[in-house]
Amino acid sequence: MLKDFKAFILRGNVIDLAVAVVIGAAFGAVVSSFVKNLLTPLVSIPGSSSFDNLTFTVHHSIFSYGRFLNDLISFVLIAAAIFFFVLKPINALVVRRQRGQEAEPGTRDCPECLSEIPDRARRCAHCTAEIQPAA
């Protein structure tokens, strides 16, 4: 039983997942710090830096809509930071790396959507266009 557990733990995908979780947590902390300490102060230049005190009351129930606004702004800023500072540069690197590479043997580009499809395909899996199989 211990031998099976050891084999399970030492499989590559379990270790890869553990590393991904640790790196993801560290990256999340960096992105949150970037948003909290650099982007949020930019948003607060024209007005208040925190909406925490904004509330309204209905029948003695307090609704803290200011905290929701803070969380919403943080989410949008985090999403924008990840998009512009992580995804866009990585996508640019991938495109630059793929430039000049030929398509894999046995594949071709769809004439409609330019996605890579098998040579023998009669319909594109991406745009569903009917196409003639390659000779």
N, C-alpha and C. Protein backbone atom coordinates (compact mmCIF):
# COMPACT_ATOMS: atom_id res chain seq x y z
N MET A 1 0.82 -1.18 0.00
CA MET A 1 0.00 0.00 0.00
C MET A 1 0.87 1.26 0.00
N LEU A 2 1.93 1.26 0.81
CA LEU A 2 2.84 2.39 0.85
C LEU A 2 3.57 2.55 -0.48
N LYS A 3 3.84 1.44 -1.15
CA LYS A 3 4.51 1.47 -2.45
C LYS A 3 3.62 2.16 -3.49
N ASP A 4 2.31 1.84 -3.48
CA ASP A 4 1.37 2.48 -4.41
C ASP A 4 1.26 3.98 -4.14
N PHE A 5 1.23 4.35 -2.87
CA PHE A 5 1.16 5.78 -2.51
C PHE A 5 2.40 6.52 -3.00
N LYS A 6 3.57 5.90 -2.82
CA LYS A 6 4.82 6.51 -3.26
C LYS A 6 4.82 6.69 -4.78
N ALA A 7 4.33 5.68 -5.50
CA ALA A 7 4.25 5.78 -6.97
C ALA A 7 3.30 6.89 -7.38
N PHE A 8 2.19 7.04 -6.65
CA PHE A 8 1.22 8.09 -6.96
C PHE A 8 1.84 9.48 -6.74
N ILE A 9 2.49 9.66 -5.61
CA ILE A 9 3.07 10.96 -5.27
C ILE A 9 4.19 11.33 -6.25
N LEU A 10 4.96 10.35 -6.67
CA LEU A 10 6.11 10.65 -7.53
C LEU A 10 5.77 10.71 -9.01
N ARG A 11 4.48 10.52 -9.34
CA ARG A 11 4.09 10.70 -10.74
C ARG A 11 4.27 12.16 -11.12
N GLY A 12 4.63 12.39 -12.35
CA GLY A 12 4.92 13.74 -12.81
C GLY A 12 3.77 14.71 -12.68
N ASN A 13 2.55 14.27 -12.98
CA ASN A 13 1.45 15.22 -12.98
C ASN A 13 1.10 15.70 -11.58
N VAL A 14 1.30 14.91 -10.54
CA VAL A 14 1.03 15.34 -9.17
C VAL A 14 2.04 16.41 -8.75
N ILE A 15 3.29 16.18 -9.08
CA ILE A 15 4.33 17.16 -8.74
C ILE A 15 4.12 18.43 -9.54
N ASP A 16 3.79 18.31 -10.82
CA ASP A 16 3.51 19.49 -11.64
C ASP A 16 2.35 20.29 -11.06
N LEU A 17 1.30 19.61 -10.61
CA LEU A 17 0.16 20.30 -10.02
C LEU A 17 0.56 21.02 -8.74
N ALA A 18 1.37 20.38 -7.91
CA ALA A 18 1.81 21.01 -6.67
C ALA A 18 2.63 22.27 -6.97
N VAL A 19 3.53 22.17 -7.93
CA VAL A 19 4.33 23.33 -8.31
C VAL A 19 3.44 24.44 -8.86
N ALA A 20 2.45 24.08 -9.67
CA ALA A 20 1.54 25.07 -10.24
C ALA A 20 0.76 25.79 -9.16
N VAL A 21 0.31 25.06 -8.14
CA VAL A 21 -0.44 25.69 -7.05
C VAL A 21 0.44 26.68 -6.30
N VAL A 22 1.67 26.29 -5.99
CA VAL A 22 2.58 27.17 -5.26
C VAL A 22 2.91 28.41 -6.09
N ILE A 23 3.25 28.21 -7.35
CA ILE A 23 3.57 29.34 -8.23
C ILE A 23 2.33 30.23 -8.41
N GLY A 24 1.15 29.62 -8.56
CA GLY A 24 -0.08 30.39 -8.70
C GLY A 24 -0.36 31.24 -7.48
N ALA A 25 -0.14 30.70 -6.29
CA ALA A 25 -0.35 31.48 -5.06
C ALA A 25 0.63 32.65 -4.98
N ALA A 26 1.88 32.39 -5.31
CA ALA A 26 2.88 33.46 -5.29
C ALA A 26 2.57 34.52 -6.34
N PHE A 27 2.17 34.08 -7.52
CA PHE A 27 1.83 35.03 -8.59
C PHE A 27 0.60 35.84 -8.20
N GLY A 28 -0.38 35.20 -7.56
CA GLY A 28 -1.56 35.92 -7.10
C GLY A 28 -1.20 37.00 -6.11
N ALA A 29 -0.27 36.72 -5.21
CA ALA A 29 0.17 37.72 -4.24
C ALA A 29 0.85 38.90 -4.94
N VAL A 30 1.66 38.61 -5.95
CA VAL A 30 2.34 39.68 -6.69
C VAL A 30 1.33 40.55 -7.44
N VAL A 31 0.38 39.92 -8.11
CA VAL A 31 -0.62 40.68 -8.86
C VAL A 31 -1.49 41.51 -7.91
N SER A 32 -1.90 40.92 -6.78
CA SER A 32 -2.71 41.67 -5.81
C SER A 32 -1.94 42.87 -5.26
N SER A 33 -0.67 42.68 -4.98
CA SER A 33 0.15 43.78 -4.48
C SER A 33 0.30 44.87 -5.55
N PHE A 34 0.50 44.47 -6.79
CA PHE A 34 0.62 45.42 -7.89
C PHE A 34 -0.65 46.26 -8.01
N VAL A 35 -1.79 45.62 -7.93
CA VAL A 35 -3.06 46.34 -8.05
C VAL A 35 -3.29 47.22 -6.83
N LYS A 36 -3.08 46.68 -5.64
CA LYS A 36 -3.35 47.43 -4.41
C LYS A 36 -2.42 48.63 -4.26
N ASN A 37 -1.15 48.44 -4.57
CA ASN A 37 -0.16 49.48 -4.29
C ASN A 37 0.16 50.41 -5.45
N LEU A 38 -0.15 50.00 -6.67
CA LEU A 38 0.18 50.85 -7.82
C LEU A 38 -1.03 51.28 -8.64
N LEU A 39 -1.95 50.37 -8.94
CA LEU A 39 -3.08 50.74 -9.79
C LEU A 39 -4.21 51.41 -9.03
N THR A 40 -4.54 50.91 -7.84
CA THR A 40 -5.64 51.50 -7.08
C THR A 40 -5.37 52.96 -6.71
N PRO A 41 -4.15 53.33 -6.32
CA PRO A 41 -3.91 54.76 -6.08
C PRO A 41 -4.13 55.63 -7.32
N LEU A 42 -3.89 55.08 -8.50
CA LEU A 42 -4.17 55.84 -9.72
C LEU A 42 -5.67 56.11 -9.87
N VAL A 43 -6.49 55.12 -9.52
CA VAL A 43 -7.94 55.29 -9.61
C VAL A 43 -8.42 56.31 -8.59
N SER A 44 -7.76 56.36 -7.44
CA SER A 44 -8.22 57.25 -6.37
C SER A 44 -7.74 58.68 -6.53
N ILE A 45 -6.95 59.00 -7.53
CA ILE A 45 -6.45 60.37 -7.72
C ILE A 45 -7.59 61.38 -7.80
N PRO A 46 -8.65 61.13 -8.62
CA PRO A 46 -9.69 62.14 -8.69
C PRO A 46 -10.63 62.18 -7.48
N GLY A 47 -10.64 61.14 -6.65
CA GLY A 47 -11.62 61.13 -5.56
C GLY A 47 -11.12 60.37 -4.35
N SER A 48 -11.99 59.56 -3.80
CA SER A 48 -11.69 58.82 -2.59
C SER A 48 -10.89 57.56 -2.92
N SER A 49 -10.01 57.15 -2.00
CA SER A 49 -9.22 55.95 -2.23
C SER A 49 -9.92 54.70 -1.74
N SER A 50 -10.99 54.87 -0.95
CA SER A 50 -11.72 53.72 -0.43
C SER A 50 -13.20 54.05 -0.33
N PHE A 51 -14.01 53.10 -0.71
CA PHE A 51 -15.45 53.27 -0.63
C PHE A 51 -16.04 52.47 0.53
N ASP A 52 -15.20 51.99 1.44
CA ASP A 52 -15.65 51.11 2.52
C ASP A 52 -16.77 51.70 3.37
N ASN A 53 -16.80 53.00 3.54
CA ASN A 53 -17.78 53.62 4.42
C ASN A 53 -19.12 53.89 3.77
N LEU A 54 -19.27 53.60 2.49
CA LEU A 54 -20.54 53.86 1.80
C LEU A 54 -21.54 52.77 2.14
N THR A 55 -22.64 53.16 2.76
CA THR A 55 -23.68 52.21 3.15
C THR A 55 -25.05 52.86 3.01
N PHE A 56 -26.08 52.03 3.03
CA PHE A 56 -27.44 52.52 3.20
C PHE A 56 -28.19 51.51 4.06
N THR A 57 -29.25 51.98 4.69
CA THR A 57 -29.98 51.16 5.65
C THR A 57 -31.43 51.03 5.23
N VAL A 58 -31.95 49.81 5.33
CA VAL A 58 -33.36 49.53 5.09
C VAL A 58 -33.85 48.66 6.25
N HIS A 59 -34.77 49.20 7.05
CA HIS A 59 -35.33 48.47 8.20
C HIS A 59 -34.23 47.88 9.08
N HIS A 60 -33.28 48.70 9.47
CA HIS A 60 -32.18 48.34 10.36
C HIS A 60 -31.20 47.33 9.75
N SER A 61 -31.32 47.06 8.47
CA SER A 61 -30.33 46.22 7.78
C SER A 61 -29.36 47.13 7.05
N ILE A 62 -28.09 46.94 7.31
CA ILE A 62 -27.07 47.81 6.71
C ILE A 62 -26.49 47.13 5.47
N PHE A 63 -26.54 47.83 4.36
CA PHE A 63 -26.01 47.35 3.09
C PHE A 63 -24.72 48.11 2.81
N SER A 64 -23.59 47.41 2.82
CA SER A 64 -22.28 48.01 2.60
C SER A 64 -21.91 47.92 1.12
N TYR A 65 -22.55 48.75 0.32
CA TYR A 65 -22.28 48.69 -1.11
C TYR A 65 -20.89 49.24 -1.45
N GLY A 66 -20.29 50.00 -0.57
CA GLY A 66 -18.95 50.52 -0.79
C GLY A 66 -17.90 49.41 -0.84
N ARG A 67 -18.04 48.42 0.03
CA ARG A 67 -17.11 47.29 0.00
C ARG A 67 -17.24 46.53 -1.31
N PHE A 68 -18.49 46.39 -1.79
CA PHE A 68 -18.70 45.73 -3.08
C PHE A 68 -18.01 46.52 -4.19
N LEU A 69 -18.14 47.86 -4.15
CA LEU A 69 -17.48 48.68 -5.17
C LEU A 69 -15.96 48.51 -5.11
N ASN A 70 -15.39 48.47 -3.90
CA ASN A 70 -13.94 48.24 -3.77
C ASN A 70 -13.55 46.90 -4.37
N ASP A 71 -14.32 45.85 -4.06
CA ASP A 71 -14.00 44.52 -4.59
C ASP A 71 -14.16 44.48 -6.11
N LEU A 72 -15.17 45.14 -6.62
CA LEU A 72 -15.40 45.19 -8.07
C LEU A 72 -14.25 45.91 -8.78
N ILE A 73 -13.84 47.03 -8.23
CA ILE A 73 -12.72 47.78 -8.82
C ILE A 73 -11.44 46.95 -8.76
N SER A 74 -11.22 46.28 -7.64
CA SER A 74 -10.03 45.42 -7.52
C SER A 74 -10.06 44.30 -8.55
N PHE A 75 -11.22 43.68 -8.74
CA PHE A 75 -11.34 42.61 -9.73
C PHE A 75 -11.02 43.12 -11.13
N VAL A 76 -11.60 44.25 -11.49
CA VAL A 76 -11.37 44.80 -12.84
C VAL A 76 -9.90 45.16 -13.02
N LEU A 77 -9.29 45.74 -11.99
CA LEU A 77 -7.88 46.10 -12.10
C LEU A 77 -6.98 44.87 -12.17
N ILE A 78 -7.29 43.83 -11.39
CA ILE A 78 -6.51 42.60 -11.46
C ILE A 78 -6.64 41.95 -12.83
N ALA A 79 -7.88 41.89 -13.35
CA ALA A 79 -8.08 41.31 -14.68
C ALA A 79 -7.33 42.11 -15.74
N ALA A 80 -7.37 43.43 -15.66
CA ALA A 80 -6.65 44.26 -16.63
C ALA A 80 -5.14 44.07 -16.50
N ALA A 81 -4.65 43.99 -15.27
CA ALA A 81 -3.21 43.80 -15.06
C ALA A 81 -2.76 42.48 -15.64
N ILE A 82 -3.51 41.42 -15.40
CA ILE A 82 -3.14 40.11 -15.95
C ILE A 82 -3.20 40.13 -17.47
N PHE A 83 -4.24 40.76 -18.02
CA PHE A 83 -4.38 40.80 -19.48
C PHE A 83 -3.24 41.57 -20.13
N PHE A 84 -2.99 42.81 -19.64
CA PHE A 84 -2.03 43.66 -20.31
C PHE A 84 -0.57 43.36 -19.97
N PHE A 85 -0.32 42.85 -18.77
CA PHE A 85 1.07 42.64 -18.36
C PHE A 85 1.51 41.19 -18.41
N VAL A 86 0.56 40.25 -18.62
CA VAL A 86 0.93 38.84 -18.69
C VAL A 86 0.50 38.24 -20.03
N LEU A 87 -0.82 38.25 -20.30
CA LEU A 87 -1.32 37.57 -21.50
C LEU A 87 -0.86 38.21 -22.80
N LYS A 88 -0.95 39.53 -22.91
CA LYS A 88 -0.54 40.18 -24.16
C LYS A 88 0.94 39.93 -24.46
N PRO A 89 1.86 40.11 -23.52
CA PRO A 89 3.27 39.82 -23.83
C PRO A 89 3.52 38.35 -24.15
N ILE A 90 2.88 37.44 -23.43
CA ILE A 90 3.08 36.02 -23.72
C ILE A 90 2.54 35.67 -25.10
N ASN A 91 1.36 36.19 -25.44
CA ASN A 91 0.81 35.94 -26.78
C ASN A 91 1.72 36.51 -27.87
N ALA A 92 2.30 37.68 -27.62
CA ALA A 92 3.23 38.26 -28.60
C ALA A 92 4.47 37.38 -28.76
N LEU A 93 4.97 36.82 -27.66
CA LEU A 93 6.11 35.92 -27.75
C LEU A 93 5.77 34.65 -28.51
N VAL A 94 4.58 34.11 -28.27
CA VAL A 94 4.16 32.89 -28.97
C VAL A 94 4.04 33.15 -30.47
N VAL A 95 3.45 34.28 -30.85
CA VAL A 95 3.32 34.62 -32.27
C VAL A 95 4.69 34.81 -32.89
N ARG A 96 5.58 35.49 -32.17
CA ARG A 96 6.93 35.72 -32.69
C ARG A 96 7.67 34.39 -32.87
N ARG A 97 7.48 33.47 -31.93
CA ARG A 97 8.14 32.17 -32.01
C ARG A 97 7.58 31.33 -33.16
N GLN A 98 6.27 31.42 -33.39
CA GLN A 98 5.64 30.61 -34.43
C GLN A 98 5.85 31.19 -35.82
N ARG A 99 6.21 32.46 -35.91
CA ARG A 99 6.41 33.09 -37.22
C ARG A 99 7.52 32.37 -37.95
N GLY A 100 7.28 32.01 -39.16
CA GLY A 100 8.29 31.33 -39.95
C GLY A 100 8.26 29.82 -39.83
N GLN A 101 7.47 29.28 -38.91
CA GLN A 101 7.37 27.83 -38.80
C GLN A 101 6.32 27.32 -39.77
N GLU A 102 6.63 26.23 -40.39
CA GLU A 102 5.68 25.61 -41.30
C GLU A 102 4.63 24.84 -40.48
N ALA A 103 3.49 24.60 -41.10
CA ALA A 103 2.46 23.79 -40.44
C ALA A 103 2.96 22.36 -40.30
N GLU A 104 2.42 21.67 -39.32
CA GLU A 104 2.81 20.27 -39.11
C GLU A 104 2.49 19.46 -40.35
N PRO A 105 3.31 18.43 -40.65
CA PRO A 105 2.99 17.56 -41.78
C PRO A 105 1.63 16.91 -41.56
N GLY A 106 0.84 16.84 -42.62
CA GLY A 106 -0.49 16.26 -42.52
C GLY A 106 -1.55 17.27 -42.15
N THR A 107 -1.17 18.55 -42.08
CA THR A 107 -2.15 19.60 -41.78
C THR A 107 -2.05 20.72 -42.80
N ARG A 108 -3.07 21.53 -42.80
CA ARG A 108 -3.10 22.71 -43.67
C ARG A 108 -3.97 23.75 -43.01
N ASP A 109 -4.01 24.95 -43.56
CA ASP A 109 -4.84 26.01 -43.01
C ASP A 109 -6.21 26.00 -43.67
N CYS A 110 -7.25 26.24 -42.87
CA CYS A 110 -8.60 26.37 -43.41
C CYS A 110 -8.66 27.65 -44.23
N PRO A 111 -9.23 27.60 -45.45
CA PRO A 111 -9.29 28.81 -46.26
C PRO A 111 -10.25 29.87 -45.71
N GLU A 112 -11.17 29.46 -44.82
CA GLU A 112 -12.14 30.41 -44.28
C GLU A 112 -11.64 31.11 -43.02
N CYS A 113 -11.18 30.33 -42.03
CA CYS A 113 -10.80 30.92 -40.74
C CYS A 113 -9.30 30.85 -40.46
N LEU A 114 -8.55 30.21 -41.34
CA LEU A 114 -7.10 30.08 -41.25
C LEU A 114 -6.63 29.26 -40.05
N SER A 115 -7.50 28.44 -39.48
CA SER A 115 -7.11 27.53 -38.41
C SER A 115 -6.44 26.31 -39.02
N GLU A 116 -5.58 25.66 -38.24
CA GLU A 116 -4.88 24.48 -38.72
C GLU A 116 -5.82 23.27 -38.64
N ILE A 117 -5.96 22.56 -39.77
CA ILE A 117 -6.84 21.39 -39.84
C ILE A 117 -6.11 20.24 -40.52
N PRO A 118 -6.55 19.00 -40.33
CA PRO A 118 -5.92 17.87 -41.02
C PRO A 118 -6.11 17.97 -42.54
N ASP A 119 -5.15 17.43 -43.29
CA ASP A 119 -5.22 17.46 -44.76
C ASP A 119 -6.48 16.80 -45.29
N ARG A 120 -6.90 15.71 -44.67
CA ARG A 120 -8.03 14.94 -45.19
C ARG A 120 -9.38 15.46 -44.72
N ALA A 121 -9.41 16.53 -43.97
CA ALA A 121 -10.68 17.06 -43.44
C ALA A 121 -11.55 17.60 -44.56
N ARG A 122 -12.86 17.36 -44.42
CA ARG A 122 -13.83 17.89 -45.38
C ARG A 122 -14.64 19.03 -44.77
N ARG A 123 -14.49 19.23 -43.45
CA ARG A 123 -15.16 20.31 -42.75
C ARG A 123 -14.22 20.82 -41.66
N CYS A 124 -14.14 22.12 -41.53
CA CYS A 124 -13.27 22.72 -40.51
C CYS A 124 -13.90 22.54 -39.14
N ALA A 125 -13.12 22.08 -38.18
CA ALA A 125 -13.63 21.89 -36.82
C ALA A 125 -13.82 23.22 -36.09
N HIS A 126 -13.20 24.26 -36.57
CA HIS A 126 -13.28 25.56 -35.89
C HIS A 126 -14.43 26.41 -36.41
N CYS A 127 -14.56 26.52 -37.73
CA CYS A 127 -15.62 27.38 -38.28
C CYS A 127 -16.72 26.59 -39.00
N THR A 128 -16.56 25.29 -39.09
CA THR A 128 -17.51 24.35 -39.71
C THR A 128 -17.70 24.58 -41.21
N ALA A 129 -16.78 25.27 -41.85
CA ALA A 129 -16.89 25.49 -43.31
C ALA A 129 -16.61 24.17 -44.03
N GLU A 130 -17.36 23.93 -45.09
CA GLU A 130 -17.10 22.74 -45.93
C GLU A 130 -15.93 23.08 -46.84
N ILE A 131 -14.97 22.15 -46.90
CA ILE A 131 -13.77 22.35 -47.74
C ILE A 131 -13.44 21.07 -48.43
N GLN A 132 -12.69 21.18 -49.52
CA GLN A 132 -12.27 20.01 -50.27
C GLN A 132 -11.04 19.41 -49.61
N PRO A 133 -10.99 18.08 -49.46
CA PRO A 133 -9.79 17.46 -48.91
C PRO A 133 -8.57 17.74 -49.78
N ALA A 134 -7.42 17.85 -49.17
CA ALA A 134 -6.18 18.09 -49.91
C ALA A 134 -5.85 16.84 -50.71
N ALA A 135 -5.19 17.05 -51.83
CA ALA A 135 -4.84 15.92 -52.70
C ALA A 135 -3.76 15.09 -52.08
